[in-house]
Amino acid sequence: MNDAEPLLQLRHIGKNFGPVQALTDINFDIPAGQVTALVGDNGAGKSTLIKTIAGIFQPNGGQIIWQGKQVHFHTPRDATDAGIATVYQDLALCDNLDIVQNMMLGHEVLKTGLLDEIDMERSARKTLADLRVTTVRNIRQPVGSLSGGQRQSVAVAKAVMLDAKLVIMDEPTAALGVKQTALILELIERLAGRGIAVLVISHNLTDVFQVADRIAVLFLGRLVTQGPKSDFTTDSAVHWITTGAGPASPSGSAPEAAGPQTTEA
């Protein structure tokens, strides 16, 4: 992959469910080592898009180009094996298992046919330390006893242990308090600092403008604009989200759109 080439490129991606066109002609780039925020109103297609990237849905048209090569993810495991990890809002963690067991679930280390608890604990502890997750005191405590922010941290650490090159986070700060939100935003920045691409789906524009390098806006299944954060203000982002078009600047021009802005199915 060329250094200047995006880690993930979506070209003319479409997805329909019967007569319902959920995504139309999506062209979307995600660079390595940057935080890209995907925003849009309810029903804009954000969940459909990330599930298409994650291998849950297969697109009805278009190309997914990963590290410079066209790929076809038929299952979520295909995407995970390629290096794409998705942390959904429900986190998919097992409350009755401890932190180590959750982080290693499905990727347990064996020694002479038995679980190598010492090696797994060492790996889990190192990953949490590397990400500077310091709020977890005992990595053998059940995940069900953790706070929302700690649970998010464990889910992200699990993705890093799987050697993810792209981590997709679906509403990572939803229902978190101010302190826990700050911890998760710091964690997102650390991931990017390690060269990992992060795609954050969020309704919280304050969080978006704090951590994002790039912003992309979905409107009625179309990606209507994308670009560096510096191209946007909170007001212009809200305008794109709610109307699918850019606000006119004092000179009468509007920010460049990403492809057609029409909203017909």
C-alpha atoms as a PDB file:
ATOM      1  CA  MET A   1       0.000   0.000   0.000  1.00  0.00           C
ATOM      2  CA  ASN A   2       1.320   3.441  -0.921  1.00  0.00           C
ATOM      3  CA  ASP A   3       1.959   5.624   2.145  1.00  0.00           C
ATOM      4  CA  ALA A   4      -0.346   8.301   0.710  1.00  0.00           C
ATOM      5  CA  GLU A   5      -3.109   5.807  -0.032  1.00  0.00           C
ATOM      6  CA  PRO A   6      -5.994   5.530   2.454  1.00  0.00           C
ATOM      7  CA  LEU A   7      -6.055   2.394   4.593  1.00  0.00           C
ATOM      8  CA  LEU A   8      -9.690   1.761   3.625  1.00  0.00           C
ATOM      9  CA  GLN A   9     -11.430   3.008   0.496  1.00  0.00           C
ATOM     10  CA  LEU A  10     -15.097   2.543  -0.284  1.00  0.00           C
ATOM     11  CA  ARG A  11     -15.979   3.116  -3.928  1.00  0.00           C
ATOM     12  CA  HIS A  12     -19.587   3.469  -5.112  1.00  0.00           C
ATOM     13  CA  ILE A  13     -20.911   1.275  -2.284  1.00  0.00           C
ATOM     14  CA  GLY A  14     -24.635   0.621  -2.406  1.00  0.00           C
ATOM     15  CA  LYS A  15     -26.810  -1.409  -0.050  1.00  0.00           C
ATOM     16  CA  ASN A  16     -30.493  -2.111  -0.266  1.00  0.00           C
ATOM     17  CA  PHE A  17     -32.873  -4.215   1.767  1.00  0.00           C
ATOM     18  CA  GLY A  18     -35.522  -5.206  -0.734  1.00  0.00           C
ATOM     19  CA  PRO A  19     -37.022  -1.979  -2.091  1.00  0.00           C
ATOM     20  CA  VAL A  20     -35.373   0.150   0.605  1.00  0.00           C
ATOM     21  CA  GLN A  21     -32.126   1.807  -0.538  1.00  0.00           C
ATOM     22  CA  ALA A  22     -30.086   2.182   2.649  1.00  0.00           C
ATOM     23  CA  LEU A  23     -26.799   3.330   1.089  1.00  0.00           C
ATOM     24  CA  THR A  24     -26.302   5.001  -2.288  1.00  0.00           C
ATOM     25  CA  ASP A  25     -23.007   5.495  -4.135  1.00  0.00           C
ATOM     26  CA  ILE A  26     -20.796   5.815  -1.038  1.00  0.00           C
ATOM     27  CA  ASN A  27     -17.231   6.990  -1.694  1.00  0.00           C
ATOM     28  CA  PHE A  28     -15.361   7.129   1.598  1.00  0.00           C
ATOM     29  CA  ASP A  29     -11.681   7.168   2.562  1.00  0.00           C
ATOM     30  CA  ILE A  30     -10.241   6.281   5.973  1.00  0.00           C
ATOM     31  CA  PRO A  31      -6.541   7.123   6.416  1.00  0.00           C
ATOM     32  CA  ALA A  32      -4.229   5.178   8.721  1.00  0.00           C
ATOM     33  CA  GLY A  33      -3.280   6.762  12.036  1.00  0.00           C
ATOM     34  CA  GLN A  34      -6.130   9.273  12.012  1.00  0.00           C
ATOM     35  CA  VAL A  35      -9.503   9.590  13.732  1.00  0.00           C
ATOM     36  CA  THR A  36     -12.362   9.843  11.261  1.00  0.00           C
ATOM     37  CA  ALA A  37     -15.775  10.802  12.655  1.00  0.00           C
ATOM     38  CA  LEU A  38     -18.886   9.586  10.862  1.00  0.00           C
ATOM     39  CA  VAL A  39     -21.910  11.684  11.759  1.00  0.00           C
ATOM     40  CA  GLY A  40     -25.501  11.868  10.637  1.00  0.00           C
ATOM     41  CA  ASP A  41     -29.036  11.960  11.947  1.00  0.00           C
ATOM     42  CA  ASN A  42     -31.001   8.864  12.953  1.00  0.00           C
ATOM     43  CA  GLY A  43     -31.726   6.818   9.849  1.00  0.00           C
ATOM     44  CA  ALA A  44     -28.878   8.362   7.860  1.00  0.00           C
ATOM     45  CA  GLY A  45     -27.284   4.945   7.295  1.00  0.00           C
ATOM     46  CA  LYS A  46     -24.408   5.010   9.783  1.00  0.00           C
ATOM     47  CA  SER A  47     -25.106   1.562  11.255  1.00  0.00           C
ATOM     48  CA  THR A  48     -25.608   0.035   7.812  1.00  0.00           C
ATOM     49  CA  LEU A  49     -22.322   1.492   6.613  1.00  0.00           C
ATOM     50  CA  ILE A  50     -20.219   0.249   9.520  1.00  0.00           C
ATOM     51  CA  LYS A  51     -21.859  -3.181   9.354  1.00  0.00           C
ATOM     52  CA  THR A  52     -20.989  -3.316   5.657  1.00  0.00           C
ATOM     53  CA  ILE A  53     -17.372  -2.503   6.453  1.00  0.00           C
ATOM     54  CA  ALA A  54     -17.414  -5.067   9.276  1.00  0.00           C
ATOM     55  CA  GLY A  55     -18.659  -7.924   7.096  1.00  0.00           C
ATOM     56  CA  ILE A  56     -22.124  -8.227   8.639  1.00  0.00           C
ATOM     57  CA  PHE A  57     -23.782  -6.935   5.468  1.00  0.00           C
ATOM     58  CA  GLN A  58     -22.510  -7.471   1.940  1.00  0.00           C
ATOM     59  CA  PRO A  59     -22.877  -4.482  -0.384  1.00  0.00           C
ATOM     60  CA  ASN A  60     -25.116  -4.764  -3.428  1.00  0.00           C
ATOM     61  CA  GLY A  61     -22.619  -2.830  -5.498  1.00  0.00           C
ATOM     62  CA  GLY A  62     -19.278  -1.077  -5.397  1.00  0.00           C
ATOM     63  CA  GLN A  63     -15.835  -1.970  -4.085  1.00  0.00           C
ATOM     64  CA  ILE A  64     -14.169  -2.205  -0.701  1.00  0.00           C
ATOM     65  CA  ILE A  65     -10.433  -1.589  -1.032  1.00  0.00           C
ATOM     66  CA  TRP A  66      -8.372  -2.528   2.025  1.00  0.00           C
ATOM     67  CA  GLN A  67      -4.664  -1.712   2.113  1.00  0.00           C
ATOM     68  CA  GLY A  68      -4.678  -1.134  -1.619  1.00  0.00           C
ATOM     69  CA  LYS A  69      -6.433  -4.385  -2.577  1.00  0.00           C
ATOM     70  CA  GLN A  70     -10.061  -5.105  -3.317  1.00  0.00           C
ATOM     71  CA  VAL A  71     -11.584  -7.374  -0.678  1.00  0.00           C
ATOM     72  CA  HIS A  72     -14.851  -9.182  -0.037  1.00  0.00           C
ATOM     73  CA  PHE A  73     -15.830  -9.651   3.607  1.00  0.00           C
ATOM     74  CA  HIS A  74     -18.430 -12.409   3.705  1.00  0.00           C
ATOM     75  CA  THR A  75     -18.476 -12.664   7.504  1.00  0.00           C
ATOM     76  CA  PRO A  76     -17.417 -10.508  10.466  1.00  0.00           C
ATOM     77  CA  ARG A  77     -14.556 -12.946  11.013  1.00  0.00           C
ATOM     78  CA  ASP A  78     -13.225 -12.078   7.534  1.00  0.00           C
ATOM     79  CA  ALA A  79     -13.050  -8.404   8.504  1.00  0.00           C
ATOM     80  CA  THR A  80     -11.520  -9.180  11.902  1.00  0.00           C
ATOM     81  CA  ASP A  81      -8.872 -11.418  10.355  1.00  0.00           C
ATOM     82  CA  ALA A  82      -8.006  -8.628   7.901  1.00  0.00           C
ATOM     83  CA  GLY A  83      -7.448  -6.206  10.786  1.00  0.00           C
ATOM     84  CA  ILE A  84     -10.804  -4.427  11.188  1.00  0.00           C
ATOM     85  CA  ALA A  85     -12.255  -4.540  14.709  1.00  0.00           C
ATOM     86  CA  THR A  86     -15.663  -3.121  15.559  1.00  0.00           C
ATOM     87  CA  VAL A  87     -16.642  -2.068  19.076  1.00  0.00           C
ATOM     88  CA  TYR A  88     -20.432  -1.864  19.054  1.00  0.00           C
ATOM     89  CA  GLN A  89     -22.504   0.154  21.485  1.00  0.00           C
ATOM     90  CA  ASP A  90     -23.494  -2.994  23.403  1.00  0.00           C
ATOM     91  CA  LEU A  91     -19.759  -3.932  23.475  1.00  0.00           C
ATOM     92  CA  ALA A  92     -20.470  -7.697  23.119  1.00  0.00           C
ATOM     93  CA  LEU A  93     -18.647  -8.463  26.378  1.00  0.00           C
ATOM     94  CA  CYS A  94     -19.508 -11.355  28.702  1.00  0.00           C
ATOM     95  CA  ASP A  95     -20.408  -9.948  32.118  1.00  0.00           C
ATOM     96  CA  ASN A  96     -19.765 -13.256  33.912  1.00  0.00           C
ATOM     97  CA  LEU A  97     -16.181 -13.547  32.612  1.00  0.00           C
ATOM     98  CA  ASP A  98     -13.251 -11.562  33.950  1.00  0.00           C
ATOM     99  CA  ILE A  99     -11.263  -8.981  31.991  1.00  0.00           C
ATOM    100  CA  VAL A 100      -8.567 -11.405  30.829  1.00  0.00           C
ATOM    101  CA  GLN A 101     -11.113 -13.994  29.715  1.00  0.00           C
ATOM    102  CA  ASN A 102     -13.023 -11.351  27.738  1.00  0.00           C
ATOM    103  CA  MET A 103      -9.923  -9.965  26.062  1.00  0.00           C
ATOM    104  CA  MET A 104      -8.739 -13.444  25.038  1.00  0.00           C
ATOM    105  CA  LEU A 105     -12.160 -14.912  24.188  1.00  0.00           C
ATOM    106  CA  GLY A 106     -11.897 -16.864  20.960  1.00  0.00           C
ATOM    107  CA  HIS A 107      -8.133 -16.413  20.892  1.00  0.00           C
ATOM    108  CA  GLU A 108      -7.106 -18.308  24.011  1.00  0.00           C
ATOM    109  CA  VAL A 109      -3.485 -19.367  24.450  1.00  0.00           C
ATOM    110  CA  LEU A 110      -2.921 -23.065  25.092  1.00  0.00           C
ATOM    111  CA  LYS A 111       0.021 -24.837  26.725  1.00  0.00           C
ATOM    112  CA  THR A 112       0.137 -28.628  26.675  1.00  0.00           C
ATOM    113  CA  GLY A 113      -3.556 -28.652  25.818  1.00  0.00           C
ATOM    114  CA  LEU A 114      -4.581 -26.418  28.728  1.00  0.00           C
ATOM    115  CA  LEU A 115      -5.268 -22.708  28.964  1.00  0.00           C
ATOM    116  CA  ASP A 116      -2.058 -20.795  29.616  1.00  0.00           C
ATOM    117  CA  GLU A 117      -3.541 -18.428  32.190  1.00  0.00           C
ATOM    118  CA  ILE A 118      -0.174 -16.831  33.036  1.00  0.00           C
ATOM    119  CA  ASP A 119       0.630 -15.936  29.424  1.00  0.00           C
ATOM    120  CA  MET A 120      -2.894 -14.661  28.745  1.00  0.00           C
ATOM    121  CA  GLU A 121      -2.846 -12.524  31.875  1.00  0.00           C
ATOM    122  CA  ARG A 122       0.563 -11.125  30.943  1.00  0.00           C
ATOM    123  CA  SER A 123      -0.634 -10.228  27.435  1.00  0.00           C
ATOM    124  CA  ALA A 124      -3.816  -8.606  28.720  1.00  0.00           C
ATOM    125  CA  ARG A 125      -1.963  -6.623  31.364  1.00  0.00           C
ATOM    126  CA  LYS A 126       0.632  -5.398  28.844  1.00  0.00           C
ATOM    127  CA  THR A 127      -2.020  -4.273  26.356  1.00  0.00           C
ATOM    128  CA  LEU A 128      -3.916  -2.326  29.015  1.00  0.00           C
ATOM    129  CA  ALA A 129      -0.662  -0.762  30.217  1.00  0.00           C
ATOM    130  CA  ASP A 130       0.382   0.177  26.666  1.00  0.00           C
ATOM    131  CA  LEU A 131      -2.958   1.948  26.227  1.00  0.00           C
ATOM    132  CA  ARG A 132      -2.520   3.540  29.676  1.00  0.00           C
ATOM    133  CA  VAL A 133      -5.791   2.115  30.944  1.00  0.00           C
ATOM    134  CA  THR A 134      -5.139   2.773  34.621  1.00  0.00           C
ATOM    135  CA  THR A 135      -8.661   2.776  36.026  1.00  0.00           C
ATOM    136  CA  VAL A 136      -8.830  -1.035  36.063  1.00  0.00           C
ATOM    137  CA  ARG A 137      -7.368  -2.223  39.362  1.00  0.00           C
ATOM    138  CA  ASN A 138      -7.814  -5.980  39.047  1.00  0.00           C
ATOM    139  CA  ILE A 139      -7.806  -7.628  35.619  1.00  0.00           C
ATOM    140  CA  ARG A 140      -9.390 -10.706  37.140  1.00  0.00           C
ATOM    141  CA  GLN A 141     -12.563  -8.926  38.180  1.00  0.00           C
ATOM    142  CA  PRO A 142     -15.770  -9.758  36.293  1.00  0.00           C
ATOM    143  CA  VAL A 143     -16.546  -7.366  33.447  1.00  0.00           C
ATOM    144  CA  GLY A 144     -20.047  -7.023  34.875  1.00  0.00           C
ATOM    145  CA  SER A 145     -18.572  -5.113  37.816  1.00  0.00           C
ATOM    146  CA  LEU A 146     -16.912  -2.454  35.644  1.00  0.00           C
ATOM    147  CA  SER A 147     -18.096   1.072  34.879  1.00  0.00           C
ATOM    148  CA  GLY A 148     -19.174   2.032  31.376  1.00  0.00           C
ATOM    149  CA  GLY A 149     -15.861   3.698  30.617  1.00  0.00           C
ATOM    150  CA  GLN A 150     -13.885   0.709  31.883  1.00  0.00           C
ATOM    151  CA  ARG A 151     -15.977  -1.649  29.756  1.00  0.00           C
ATOM    152  CA  GLN A 152     -15.270   0.478  26.676  1.00  0.00           C
ATOM    153  CA  SER A 153     -11.555   0.365  27.530  1.00  0.00           C
ATOM    154  CA  VAL A 154     -11.602  -3.426  27.762  1.00  0.00           C
ATOM    155  CA  ALA A 155     -13.440  -3.744  24.439  1.00  0.00           C
ATOM    156  CA  VAL A 156     -10.898  -1.452  22.732  1.00  0.00           C
ATOM    157  CA  ALA A 157      -7.967  -3.293  24.335  1.00  0.00           C
ATOM    158  CA  LYS A 158      -9.371  -6.558  22.976  1.00  0.00           C
ATOM    159  CA  ALA A 159      -9.390  -5.043  19.482  1.00  0.00           C
ATOM    160  CA  VAL A 160      -5.767  -3.950  19.884  1.00  0.00           C
ATOM    161  CA  MET A 161      -4.786  -7.455  21.020  1.00  0.00           C
ATOM    162  CA  LEU A 162      -6.218  -8.765  17.741  1.00  0.00           C
ATOM    163  CA  ASP A 163      -3.709  -6.526  15.937  1.00  0.00           C
ATOM    164  CA  ALA A 164      -6.434  -4.314  14.475  1.00  0.00           C
ATOM    165  CA  LYS A 165      -5.330  -1.707  11.959  1.00  0.00           C
ATOM    166  CA  LEU A 166      -8.773  -0.067  11.972  1.00  0.00           C
ATOM    167  CA  VAL A 167     -10.959   0.187  15.072  1.00  0.00           C
ATOM    168  CA  ILE A 168     -14.580   1.173  14.493  1.00  0.00           C
ATOM    169  CA  MET A 169     -16.307   2.585  17.588  1.00  0.00           C
ATOM    170  CA  ASP A 170     -20.090   2.946  17.615  1.00  0.00           C
ATOM    171  CA  GLU A 171     -21.205   5.756  19.963  1.00  0.00           C
ATOM    172  CA  PRO A 172     -18.309   5.112  22.380  1.00  0.00           C
ATOM    173  CA  THR A 173     -19.264   7.871  24.833  1.00  0.00           C
ATOM    174  CA  ALA A 174     -23.025   7.302  24.884  1.00  0.00           C
ATOM    175  CA  ALA A 175     -24.381   7.162  28.449  1.00  0.00           C
ATOM    176  CA  LEU A 176     -20.964   7.925  29.963  1.00  0.00           C
ATOM    177  CA  GLY A 177     -20.288  10.627  32.542  1.00  0.00           C
ATOM    178  CA  VAL A 178     -17.909  13.523  31.962  1.00  0.00           C
ATOM    179  CA  LYS A 179     -14.881  11.837  33.547  1.00  0.00           C
ATOM    180  CA  GLN A 180     -15.432   8.518  31.772  1.00  0.00           C
ATOM    181  CA  THR A 181     -15.988  10.298  28.454  1.00  0.00           C
ATOM    182  CA  ALA A 182     -12.659  12.090  28.853  1.00  0.00           C
ATOM    183  CA  LEU A 183     -10.908   8.747  29.426  1.00  0.00           C
ATOM    184  CA  ILE A 184     -12.398   7.213  26.272  1.00  0.00           C
ATOM    185  CA  LEU A 185     -11.515  10.247  24.149  1.00  0.00           C
ATOM    186  CA  GLU A 186      -7.929  10.024  25.423  1.00  0.00           C
ATOM    187  CA  LEU A 187      -7.926   6.330  24.542  1.00  0.00           C
ATOM    188  CA  ILE A 188      -9.089   7.119  20.995  1.00  0.00           C
ATOM    189  CA  GLU A 189      -6.240   9.610  20.624  1.00  0.00           C
ATOM    190  CA  ARG A 190      -3.742   7.007  21.858  1.00  0.00           C
ATOM    191  CA  LEU A 191      -4.949   4.509  19.260  1.00  0.00           C
ATOM    192  CA  ALA A 192      -4.330   7.033  16.495  1.00  0.00           C
ATOM    193  CA  GLY A 193      -0.963   7.817  18.043  1.00  0.00           C
ATOM    194  CA  ARG A 194      -0.034   4.145  17.625  1.00  0.00           C
ATOM    195  CA  GLY A 195      -0.794   4.369  13.895  1.00  0.00           C
ATOM    196  CA  ILE A 196      -4.208   2.710  14.194  1.00  0.00           C
ATOM    197  CA  ALA A 197      -7.056   4.214  12.164  1.00  0.00           C
ATOM    198  CA  VAL A 198     -10.161   4.950  14.218  1.00  0.00           C
ATOM    199  CA  LEU A 199     -13.657   5.405  12.799  1.00  0.00           C
ATOM    200  CA  VAL A 200     -15.927   6.963  15.424  1.00  0.00           C
ATOM    201  CA  ILE A 201     -19.683   7.079  14.983  1.00  0.00           C
ATOM    202  CA  SER A 202     -21.119   9.703  17.298  1.00  0.00           C
ATOM    203  CA  HIS A 203     -24.039  12.070  17.804  1.00  0.00           C
ATOM    204  CA  ASN A 204     -21.947  14.157  20.193  1.00  0.00           C
ATOM    205  CA  LEU A 205     -20.335  16.916  18.134  1.00  0.00           C
ATOM    206  CA  THR A 206     -18.368  18.179  21.130  1.00  0.00           C
ATOM    207  CA  ASP A 207     -16.608  14.819  21.297  1.00  0.00           C
ATOM    208  CA  VAL A 208     -16.224  14.735  17.517  1.00  0.00           C
ATOM    209  CA  PHE A 209     -14.482  18.097  17.357  1.00  0.00           C
ATOM    210  CA  GLN A 210     -12.242  17.163  20.267  1.00  0.00           C
ATOM    211  CA  VAL A 211     -10.745  13.985  18.782  1.00  0.00           C
ATOM    212  CA  ALA A 212     -11.458  13.826  15.042  1.00  0.00           C
ATOM    213  CA  ASP A 213      -8.920  14.576  12.338  1.00  0.00           C
ATOM    214  CA  ARG A 214     -11.547  14.158   9.622  1.00  0.00           C
ATOM    215  CA  ILE A 215     -15.343  14.383   9.525  1.00  0.00           C
ATOM    216  CA  ALA A 216     -17.749  12.646   7.147  1.00  0.00           C
ATOM    217  CA  VAL A 217     -21.494  13.289   7.029  1.00  0.00           C
ATOM    218  CA  LEU A 218     -24.186  10.831   5.966  1.00  0.00           C
ATOM    219  CA  PHE A 219     -27.619  12.092   4.945  1.00  0.00           C
ATOM    220  CA  LEU A 220     -30.392   9.721   3.871  1.00  0.00           C
ATOM    221  CA  GLY A 221     -27.935   7.026   2.841  1.00  0.00           C
ATOM    222  CA  ARG A 222     -25.569   9.303   0.943  1.00  0.00           C
ATOM    223  CA  LEU A 223     -22.166  10.573   2.013  1.00  0.00           C
ATOM    224  CA  VAL A 224     -22.725  14.268   1.338  1.00  0.00           C
ATOM    225  CA  THR A 225     -19.376  15.636   2.519  1.00  0.00           C
ATOM    226  CA  GLN A 226     -16.059  14.578   4.025  1.00  0.00           C
ATOM    227  CA  GLY A 227     -12.832  16.375   4.767  1.00  0.00           C
ATOM    228  CA  PRO A 228     -10.426  17.627   7.431  1.00  0.00           C
ATOM    229  CA  LYS A 229     -11.993  18.867  10.662  1.00  0.00           C
ATOM    230  CA  SER A 230     -10.711  22.351   9.823  1.00  0.00           C
ATOM    231  CA  ASP A 231     -13.243  22.454   6.965  1.00  0.00           C
ATOM    232  CA  PHE A 232     -16.097  22.382   9.468  1.00  0.00           C
ATOM    233  CA  THR A 233     -17.542  24.335  12.350  1.00  0.00           C
ATOM    234  CA  THR A 234     -20.145  22.988  14.742  1.00  0.00           C
ATOM    235  CA  ASP A 235     -22.790  25.063  12.982  1.00  0.00           C
ATOM    236  CA  SER A 236     -21.781  23.911   9.496  1.00  0.00           C
ATOM    237  CA  ALA A 237     -21.670  20.280  10.642  1.00  0.00           C
ATOM    238  CA  VAL A 238     -25.197  20.588  12.050  1.00  0.00           C
ATOM    239  CA  HIS A 239     -26.344  22.126   8.753  1.00  0.00           C
ATOM    240  CA  TRP A 240     -24.877  19.237   6.746  1.00  0.00           C
ATOM    241  CA  ILE A 241     -26.398  16.674   9.139  1.00  0.00           C
ATOM    242  CA  THR A 242     -29.886  18.166   9.072  1.00  0.00           C
ATOM    243  CA  THR A 243     -30.164  19.293   5.432  1.00  0.00           C
ATOM    244  CA  GLY A 244     -27.615  17.257   3.477  1.00  0.00           C
ATOM    245  CA  ALA A 245     -26.135  20.465   2.066  1.00  0.00           C
ATOM    246  CA  GLY A 246     -23.478  22.921   3.155  1.00  0.00           C
ATOM    247  CA  PRO A 247     -24.299  26.352   4.524  1.00  0.00           C
ATOM    248  CA  ALA A 248     -23.443  29.246   2.242  1.00  0.00           C
ATOM    249  CA  SER A 249     -20.287  31.101   3.247  1.00  0.00           C
ATOM    250  CA  PRO A 250     -20.208  34.915   3.353  1.00  0.00           C
ATOM    251  CA  SER A 251     -18.906  34.784  -0.233  1.00  0.00           C
ATOM    252  CA  GLY A 252     -21.918  32.743  -1.230  1.00  0.00           C
ATOM    253  CA  SER A 253     -20.048  29.473  -1.736  1.00  0.00           C
ATOM    254  CA  ALA A 254     -20.431  26.262   0.253  1.00  0.00           C
ATOM    255  CA  PRO A 255     -17.940  23.572   1.293  1.00  0.00           C
ATOM    256  CA  GLU A 256     -17.260  20.917  -1.326  1.00  0.00           C
ATOM    257  CA  ALA A 257     -19.688  18.025  -1.261  1.00  0.00           C
ATOM    258  CA  ALA A 258     -18.759  14.374  -1.561  1.00  0.00           C
ATOM    259  CA  GLY A 259     -20.549  13.298  -4.685  1.00  0.00           C
ATOM    260  CA  PRO A 260     -24.222  13.895  -5.523  1.00  0.00           C
ATOM    261  CA  GLN A 261     -26.310  15.577  -2.847  1.00  0.00           C
ATOM    262  CA  THR A 262     -29.683  14.479  -4.140  1.00  0.00           C
ATOM    263  CA  THR A 263     -31.592  12.279  -1.734  1.00  0.00           C
ATOM    264  CA  GLU A 264     -33.796  10.208  -3.960  1.00  0.00           C
ATOM    265  CA  ALA A 265     -33.576   6.444  -3.448  1.00  0.00           C
END
